[in-house]
C-alpha atoms as a PDB file:
ATOM      1  CA  MET A   1      19.275  58.123  43.698  1.00  0.00           C
ATOM      2  CA  LYS A   2      22.172  57.768  41.240  1.00  0.00           C
ATOM      3  CA  GLU A   3      19.757  56.966  38.448  1.00  0.00           C
ATOM      4  CA  ALA A   4      17.671  60.067  39.185  1.00  0.00           C
ATOM      5  CA  VAL A   5      20.734  62.338  39.133  1.00  0.00           C
ATOM      6  CA  LEU A   6      22.034  60.726  35.944  1.00  0.00           C
ATOM      7  CA  ARG A   7      18.620  61.063  34.273  1.00  0.00           C
ATOM      8  CA  LYS A   8      18.385  64.765  35.194  1.00  0.00           C
ATOM      9  CA  LEU A   9      21.897  65.349  33.866  1.00  0.00           C
ATOM     10  CA  ALA A  10      21.090  63.583  30.595  1.00  0.00           C
ATOM     11  CA  GLU A  11      17.869  65.585  30.214  1.00  0.00           C
ATOM     12  CA  SER A  12      19.680  68.877  30.881  1.00  0.00           C
ATOM     13  CA  GLY A  13      21.726  68.812  27.685  1.00  0.00           C
ATOM     14  CA  LEU A  14      24.813  69.892  29.652  1.00  0.00           C
ATOM     15  CA  ALA A  15      28.125  68.147  29.077  1.00  0.00           C
ATOM     16  CA  PHE A  16      29.159  65.795  31.869  1.00  0.00           C
ATOM     17  CA  ASP A  17      31.226  62.695  32.489  1.00  0.00           C
ATOM     18  CA  ALA A  18      29.636  59.656  34.108  1.00  0.00           C
ATOM     19  CA  VAL A  19      31.879  56.904  35.425  1.00  0.00           C
ATOM     20  CA  ALA A  20      30.985  53.419  36.567  1.00  0.00           C
ATOM     21  CA  ASP A  21      33.629  53.041  39.282  1.00  0.00           C
ATOM     22  CA  LEU A  22      35.653  55.955  40.623  1.00  0.00           C
ATOM     23  CA  CYS A  23      37.541  53.619  42.975  1.00  0.00           C
ATOM     24  CA  GLU A  24      38.766  51.502  40.063  1.00  0.00           C
ATOM     25  CA  MET A  25      39.761  54.592  38.101  1.00  0.00           C
ATOM     26  CA  SER A  26      41.788  55.759  41.087  1.00  0.00           C
ATOM     27  CA  ALA A  27      43.475  52.372  41.475  1.00  0.00           C
ATOM     28  CA  ARG A  28      44.447  52.417  37.778  1.00  0.00           C
ATOM     29  CA  GLN A  29      45.534  56.068  38.032  1.00  0.00           C
ATOM     30  CA  ASP A  30      43.255  56.781  35.097  1.00  0.00           C
ATOM     31  CA  SER A  31      44.349  59.889  33.176  1.00  0.00           C
ATOM     32  CA  SER A  32      40.729  61.096  33.118  1.00  0.00           C
ATOM     33  CA  LEU A  33      41.039  61.981  36.805  1.00  0.00           C
ATOM     34  CA  GLN A  34      44.087  64.144  36.092  1.00  0.00           C
ATOM     35  CA  ARG A  35      42.179  65.843  33.279  1.00  0.00           C
ATOM     36  CA  LEU A  36      39.290  66.615  35.629  1.00  0.00           C
ATOM     37  CA  ALA A  37      41.583  67.865  38.381  1.00  0.00           C
ATOM     38  CA  GLU A  38      43.429  70.179  35.999  1.00  0.00           C
ATOM     39  CA  GLY A  39      40.381  71.364  34.066  1.00  0.00           C
ATOM     40  CA  GLY A  40      39.315  74.229  36.300  1.00  0.00           C
ATOM     41  CA  ALA A  41      36.106  74.375  38.318  1.00  0.00           C
ATOM     42  CA  VAL A  42      34.558  70.955  38.775  1.00  0.00           C
ATOM     43  CA  LYS A  43      31.573  69.551  40.636  1.00  0.00           C
ATOM     44  CA  ILE A  44      31.568  65.856  41.422  1.00  0.00           C
ATOM     45  CA  ALA A  45      28.453  63.975  42.491  1.00  0.00           C
ATOM     46  CA  ALA A  46      29.625  60.850  44.266  1.00  0.00           C
ATOM     47  CA  CYS A  47      29.923  59.835  47.894  1.00  0.00           C
ATOM     48  CA  PHE A  48      31.689  61.287  50.916  1.00  0.00           C
ATOM     49  CA  PRO A  49      33.821  64.303  49.930  1.00  0.00           C
ATOM     50  CA  ARG A  50      36.891  63.205  51.901  1.00  0.00           C
ATOM     51  CA  ALA A  51      36.808  59.777  50.197  1.00  0.00           C
ATOM     52  CA  VAL A  52      36.563  61.358  46.732  1.00  0.00           C
ATOM     53  CA  LYS A  53      39.428  63.742  47.496  1.00  0.00           C
ATOM     54  CA  TRP A  54      41.625  60.823  48.588  1.00  0.00           C
ATOM     55  CA  LEU A  55      40.701  58.780  45.513  1.00  0.00           C
ATOM     56  CA  PHE A  56      41.902  61.634  43.334  1.00  0.00           C
ATOM     57  CA  HIS A  57      45.016  62.007  45.476  1.00  0.00           C
ATOM     58  CA  ALA A  58      45.797  58.288  45.159  1.00  0.00           C
ATOM     59  CA  ALA A  59      45.565  58.710  41.390  1.00  0.00           C
ATOM     60  CA  ARG A  60      48.079  61.584  41.583  1.00  0.00           C
ATOM     61  CA  ALA A  61      45.367  64.021  40.531  1.00  0.00           C
ATOM     62  CA  ASP A  62      44.713  66.276  43.528  1.00  0.00           C
ATOM     63  CA  LEU A  63      41.563  68.340  43.209  1.00  0.00           C
ATOM     64  CA  PRO A  64      42.082  72.123  43.259  1.00  0.00           C
ATOM     65  CA  LEU A  65      41.287  73.651  46.663  1.00  0.00           C
ATOM     66  CA  ASP A  66      39.521  76.673  45.194  1.00  0.00           C
ATOM     67  CA  ALA A  67      37.638  75.113  42.284  1.00  0.00           C
ATOM     68  CA  ALA A  68      36.341  71.674  43.285  1.00  0.00           C
ATOM     69  CA  GLU A  69      33.100  70.734  45.000  1.00  0.00           C
ATOM     70  CA  VAL A  70      32.067  67.203  45.914  1.00  0.00           C
ATOM     71  CA  LEU A  71      28.358  66.540  46.336  1.00  0.00           C
ATOM     72  CA  ASN A  72      27.610  63.651  48.648  1.00  0.00           C
ATOM     73  CA  MET A  73      24.824  61.589  47.112  1.00  0.00           C
ATOM     74  CA  ARG A  74      24.648  59.547  50.328  1.00  0.00           C
ATOM     75  CA  ALA A  75      23.607  62.575  52.371  1.00  0.00           C
ATOM     76  CA  LEU A  76      21.770  64.786  49.857  1.00  0.00           C
ATOM     77  CA  SER A  77      18.593  64.128  47.909  1.00  0.00           C
ATOM     78  CA  ALA A  78      18.641  63.844  44.117  1.00  0.00           C
ATOM     79  CA  GLU A  79      16.931  67.250  43.968  1.00  0.00           C
ATOM     80  CA  GLU A  80      19.615  68.861  46.145  1.00  0.00           C
ATOM     81  CA  VAL A  81      22.421  67.313  44.107  1.00  0.00           C
ATOM     82  CA  THR A  82      20.988  68.365  40.755  1.00  0.00           C
ATOM     83  CA  ALA A  83      20.184  71.871  42.023  1.00  0.00           C
ATOM     84  CA  ALA A  84      23.808  72.289  43.121  1.00  0.00           C
ATOM     85  CA  LEU A  85      25.096  70.834  39.832  1.00  0.00           C
ATOM     86  CA  PHE A  86      22.967  73.063  37.601  1.00  0.00           C
ATOM     87  CA  ASN A  87      23.106  76.340  39.501  1.00  0.00           C
ATOM     88  CA  PRO A  88      26.416  77.853  40.653  1.00  0.00           C
ATOM     89  CA  GLU A  89      24.546  79.878  43.279  1.00  0.00           C
ATOM     90  CA  VAL A  90      23.042  76.800  44.959  1.00  0.00           C
ATOM     91  CA  LYS A  91      25.287  75.345  47.616  1.00  0.00           C
ATOM     92  CA  PRO A  92      24.316  72.153  49.401  1.00  0.00           C
ATOM     93  CA  ASN A  93      23.601  72.498  53.085  1.00  0.00           C
ATOM     94  CA  LEU A  94      26.716  70.496  53.977  1.00  0.00           C
ATOM     95  CA  PRO A  95      29.967  72.447  54.376  1.00  0.00           C
ATOM     96  CA  GLU A  96      32.168  69.370  53.896  1.00  0.00           C
ATOM     97  CA  GLY A  97      31.440  69.433  50.170  1.00  0.00           C
ATOM     98  CA  LYS A  98      34.193  71.931  49.400  1.00  0.00           C
ATOM     99  CA  VAL A  99      37.783  70.885  49.002  1.00  0.00           C
ATOM    100  CA  THR A 100      39.560  72.730  51.794  1.00  0.00           C
ATOM    101  CA  ALA A 101      43.169  72.938  52.897  1.00  0.00           C
ATOM    102  CA  SER A 102      42.270  71.374  56.248  1.00  0.00           C
ATOM    103  CA  ASP A 103      41.035  68.105  54.778  1.00  0.00           C
ATOM    104  CA  ALA A 104      42.840  67.953  51.455  1.00  0.00           C
ATOM    105  CA  PRO A 105      45.347  65.108  51.179  1.00  0.00           C
ATOM    106  CA  LYS A 106      48.882  65.993  52.209  1.00  0.00           C
ATOM    107  CA  ALA A 107      52.076  64.586  50.782  1.00  0.00           C
ATOM    108  CA  ALA A 108      53.662  61.962  52.997  1.00  0.00           C
ATOM    109  CA  ALA A 109      56.579  63.180  55.108  1.00  0.00           C
ATOM    110  CA  ALA A 110      59.971  62.031  53.867  1.00  0.00           C
END
């Protein structure tokens, strides 16, 4: 699955970032995550949206509520993921892909 999505991205000629281990990047608070979070609209093909949102939060790089979409490669086919990545009009058939206020990480209470 991951290989098929990566191959389609490479063949598309579009610019994209591929990372080997998002969990490790989060643990290291990699500045690339902050750059992605602050760079405007972003689509991320990874795993469960809530997990991805929390990985970014742990790296102090919260994803924007109105401009981030996480595509779950564990629940969608490679064709569905690439269709959603390439076409802004195509939305995956899973509503949990959007970053929403209800499931976005919250700051810990003092």
